[in-house]
Amino acid sequence: MDVVEGLKGKEESALVELMNIYGDYLLRTAILLLKDKQIAEEVVQDTFITAFDRIYQLADPGKLKSWLTSILVNHCRSQQRKRSWKEAFLPFSLIERFQEGEEFLGPEEHLLNLMKNQQLGAAIHELDYKYREAIILFYFNEMKINEIAHYLDVNENTIKSRLTRGRSHLKEILKRGEGVNESGKRNNQTKAR
């Protein structure tokens, strides 16, 4: 069954198939952007509802994933404006189950990787939303700069600038040693220079 045609015909089975195909991808992206699993799940649901209601706006069925990503990013931005962003960082360990094909690591290596991911994740969430958005879409979702520019409806040079500035800010945060400690709380202690 063609999913797009099924959605245009308002078939529930097409919506279920769409959720099965893109659900994990959209949820992983939303969790990375919003750092709150529950709100990310709501945003993904809203994305599917919007897609179902506005499927007629999709000009090229081959760009379904791009279109869904664009809707998701817009819903995430809306949540960003509504929420207070002073909550604790969601550790990447909660996202790990959505990743496929991880190679087996020993307990020590797994713990070190987990700590690095928590520190990097905490540092990413210290960034302004526009930098965080660009870095997550580029590095975690492996999108090209032109795709990100298209989804966010900005110039490619703007994305390049956000990536450069975001990486620079990220480097500063990581050098300062800010991140999360063992209990998952932010650690604001800076290293002596």
Protein backbone atom coordinates (compact mmCIF):
# COMPACT_ATOMS: atom_id res chain seq x y z
CA MET A 1 0.00 0.00 0.00
CA ASP A 2 1.25 3.50 -0.84
CA VAL A 3 1.29 5.36 2.48
CA VAL A 4 0.81 8.83 1.01
CA GLU A 5 -2.17 7.76 -1.11
CA GLY A 6 -3.63 5.97 1.88
CA LEU A 7 -3.26 9.11 3.99
CA LYS A 8 -4.91 11.19 1.29
CA GLY A 9 -7.78 8.71 1.38
CA LYS A 10 -7.88 9.18 5.18
CA GLU A 11 -7.21 5.48 5.75
CA GLU A 12 -6.34 4.66 9.35
CA SER A 13 -4.12 1.77 8.27
CA ALA A 14 -1.94 4.22 6.32
CA LEU A 15 -1.51 6.34 9.45
CA VAL A 16 -0.52 3.24 11.45
CA GLU A 17 2.02 2.31 8.77
CA LEU A 18 3.40 5.86 8.78
CA MET A 19 3.85 5.67 12.56
CA ASN A 20 5.59 2.30 12.27
CA ILE A 21 7.99 3.58 9.62
CA TYR A 22 8.91 6.96 11.10
CA GLY A 23 7.91 6.76 14.78
CA ASP A 24 11.31 5.85 16.26
CA TYR A 25 13.17 8.33 14.07
CA LEU A 26 10.86 11.20 15.02
CA LEU A 27 10.84 10.27 18.70
CA ARG A 28 14.63 10.09 18.87
CA THR A 29 14.88 13.51 17.19
CA ALA A 30 12.27 15.04 19.51
CA ILE A 31 13.97 13.64 22.63
CA LEU A 32 17.28 15.10 21.53
CA LEU A 33 15.71 18.49 20.86
CA LEU A 34 13.43 18.69 23.88
CA LYS A 35 15.30 16.56 26.46
CA ASP A 36 11.97 15.36 27.87
CA LYS A 37 10.65 11.99 26.77
CA GLN A 38 7.04 12.62 27.69
CA ILE A 39 6.82 15.94 25.88
CA ALA A 40 8.74 14.41 22.94
CA GLU A 41 6.10 11.67 22.69
CA GLU A 42 3.35 14.31 22.65
CA VAL A 43 5.16 16.27 19.94
CA VAL A 44 5.52 13.13 17.81
CA GLN A 45 1.79 12.43 18.21
CA ASP A 46 1.03 16.01 17.20
CA THR A 47 3.33 15.58 14.20
CA PHE A 48 1.42 12.51 13.00
CA ILE A 49 -1.93 14.25 13.53
CA THR A 50 -0.74 17.29 11.60
CA ALA A 51 0.60 15.08 8.80
CA PHE A 52 -2.68 13.17 8.61
CA ASP A 53 -4.73 16.38 8.51
CA ARG A 54 -2.48 18.21 6.04
CA ILE A 55 -1.23 15.43 3.78
CA TYR A 56 -2.61 17.35 0.80
CA GLN A 57 0.17 19.94 1.39
CA LEU A 58 2.87 17.38 0.59
CA ALA A 59 3.81 18.19 -3.01
CA ASP A 60 6.37 15.41 -3.53
CA PRO A 61 5.60 12.03 -1.91
CA GLY A 62 9.31 11.19 -2.14
CA LYS A 63 10.02 13.90 0.44
CA LEU A 64 7.70 12.48 3.10
CA LYS A 65 10.49 12.06 5.68
CA SER A 66 11.70 15.63 5.09
CA TRP A 67 8.17 16.94 5.42
CA LEU A 68 7.59 15.02 8.67
CA THR A 69 10.91 16.28 10.06
CA SER A 70 9.92 19.85 9.23
CA ILE A 71 6.58 19.44 11.03
CA LEU A 72 8.34 17.88 14.03
CA VAL A 73 10.91 20.69 14.25
CA ASN A 74 8.11 23.28 14.16
CA HIS A 75 6.25 21.49 16.97
CA CYS A 76 9.49 21.27 18.98
CA ARG A 77 10.04 25.00 18.52
CA SER A 78 6.51 25.63 19.72
CA GLN A 79 7.17 23.54 22.84
CA GLN A 80 10.44 25.40 23.32
CA ARG A 81 8.57 28.67 23.51
CA LYS A 82 6.01 27.25 25.96
CA ARG A 83 8.33 25.55 28.44
CA SER A 84 10.87 26.60 30.98
CA TRP A 85 14.21 25.08 30.05
CA LYS A 86 15.67 24.89 33.53
CA GLU A 87 14.95 21.20 34.04
CA ALA A 88 17.56 18.52 34.56
CA PHE A 89 19.17 17.01 31.49
CA LEU A 90 17.73 13.75 30.17
CA PRO A 91 20.66 11.32 30.04
CA PHE A 92 21.41 9.69 26.73
CA SER A 93 21.03 6.33 28.48
CA LEU A 94 17.26 6.75 28.08
CA ILE A 95 17.72 7.20 24.36
CA GLU A 96 19.99 4.18 23.92
CA ARG A 97 17.12 1.77 23.39
CA PHE A 98 16.19 3.63 20.21
CA GLN A 99 19.62 3.14 18.70
CA GLU A 100 20.21 0.09 16.61
CA GLY A 101 23.35 -1.88 15.90
CA GLU A 102 25.41 -0.98 18.96
CA GLU A 103 28.49 -3.11 19.30
CA PHE A 104 29.10 -4.95 22.58
CA LEU A 105 31.22 -3.07 25.07
CA GLY A 106 32.72 -4.25 28.32
CA PRO A 107 31.33 -2.77 31.55
CA GLU A 108 34.17 -0.27 31.93
CA GLU A 109 33.95 0.91 28.33
CA HIS A 110 30.18 1.13 28.56
CA LEU A 111 30.42 3.25 31.72
CA LEU A 112 33.02 5.56 30.16
CA ASN A 113 30.89 5.98 27.02
CA LEU A 114 27.83 6.68 29.15
CA MET A 115 29.70 9.36 31.11
CA LYS A 116 31.00 10.95 27.89
CA ASN A 117 27.48 10.93 26.40
CA GLN A 118 26.04 12.52 29.54
CA GLN A 119 28.70 15.23 29.54
CA LEU A 120 28.27 15.89 25.83
CA GLY A 121 24.48 15.84 26.16
CA ALA A 122 24.55 18.25 29.07
CA ALA A 123 26.88 20.53 27.12
CA ILE A 124 24.61 20.41 24.06
CA HIS A 125 21.64 21.37 26.19
CA GLU A 126 23.57 24.37 27.53
CA LEU A 127 23.55 25.79 23.99
CA ASP A 128 20.93 28.24 22.75
CA TYR A 129 18.12 26.38 21.02
CA LYS A 130 19.10 27.48 17.50
CA TYR A 131 22.63 26.06 17.92
CA ARG A 132 21.34 22.89 19.61
CA GLU A 133 18.85 22.36 16.80
CA ALA A 134 21.51 22.66 14.09
CA ILE A 135 23.98 20.39 15.89
CA ILE A 136 21.41 17.69 16.61
CA LEU A 137 20.06 17.65 13.07
CA PHE A 138 23.58 17.63 11.56
CA TYR A 139 25.42 15.23 13.86
CA PHE A 140 22.75 13.01 15.38
CA ASN A 141 20.31 12.82 12.46
CA GLU A 142 23.14 13.00 9.91
CA MET A 143 21.37 15.55 7.73
CA LYS A 144 23.19 17.61 5.15
CA ILE A 145 23.45 21.38 5.55
CA ASN A 146 21.16 22.01 2.59
CA GLU A 147 18.53 19.67 4.07
CA ILE A 148 18.65 21.41 7.45
CA ALA A 149 18.38 24.81 5.75
CA HIS A 150 15.36 23.56 3.82
CA TYR A 151 13.64 22.12 6.94
CA LEU A 152 14.27 25.21 9.02
CA ASP A 153 13.56 27.58 6.13
CA VAL A 154 16.83 29.50 6.54
CA ASN A 155 19.88 30.16 4.36
CA GLU A 156 22.58 27.45 4.18
CA ASN A 157 25.17 29.98 5.39
CA THR A 158 23.03 30.54 8.49
CA ILE A 159 23.20 26.80 9.25
CA LYS A 160 26.97 26.78 8.68
CA SER A 161 27.30 29.74 11.05
CA ARG A 162 25.11 28.08 13.69
CA LEU A 163 27.15 24.88 13.45
CA THR A 164 30.44 26.79 13.77
CA ARG A 165 29.24 28.88 16.70
CA GLY A 166 27.54 25.89 18.32
CA ARG A 167 30.74 23.82 18.12
CA SER A 168 32.72 26.73 19.54
CA HIS A 169 30.31 27.18 22.46
CA LEU A 170 30.28 23.41 22.99
CA LYS A 171 34.06 23.34 23.17
CA GLU A 172 34.04 26.16 25.76
CA ILE A 173 31.45 24.36 27.88
CA LEU A 174 33.36 21.08 27.77
CA LYS A 175 36.65 22.84 28.62
CA ARG A 176 35.04 24.46 31.65
CA GLY A 177 34.11 20.98 32.81
CA GLU A 178 30.42 21.70 33.13
CA GLY A 179 28.26 18.69 32.73
CA VAL A 180 26.46 16.15 34.83
CA ASN A 181 27.72 14.24 37.80
CA GLU A 182 26.92 10.64 38.76
CA SER A 183 23.44 11.53 40.06
CA GLY A 184 22.48 13.21 36.77
CA LYS A 185 22.52 16.73 38.24
CA ARG A 186 24.40 19.60 36.66
CA ASN A 187 27.92 20.15 37.83
CA ASN A 188 28.84 23.84 37.64
CA GLN A 189 32.32 23.52 39.08
CA THR A 190 35.01 24.75 36.76
CA LYS A 191 38.46 23.31 36.52
CA ALA A 192 41.39 25.32 37.85
CA ARG A 193 43.39 26.84 35.04
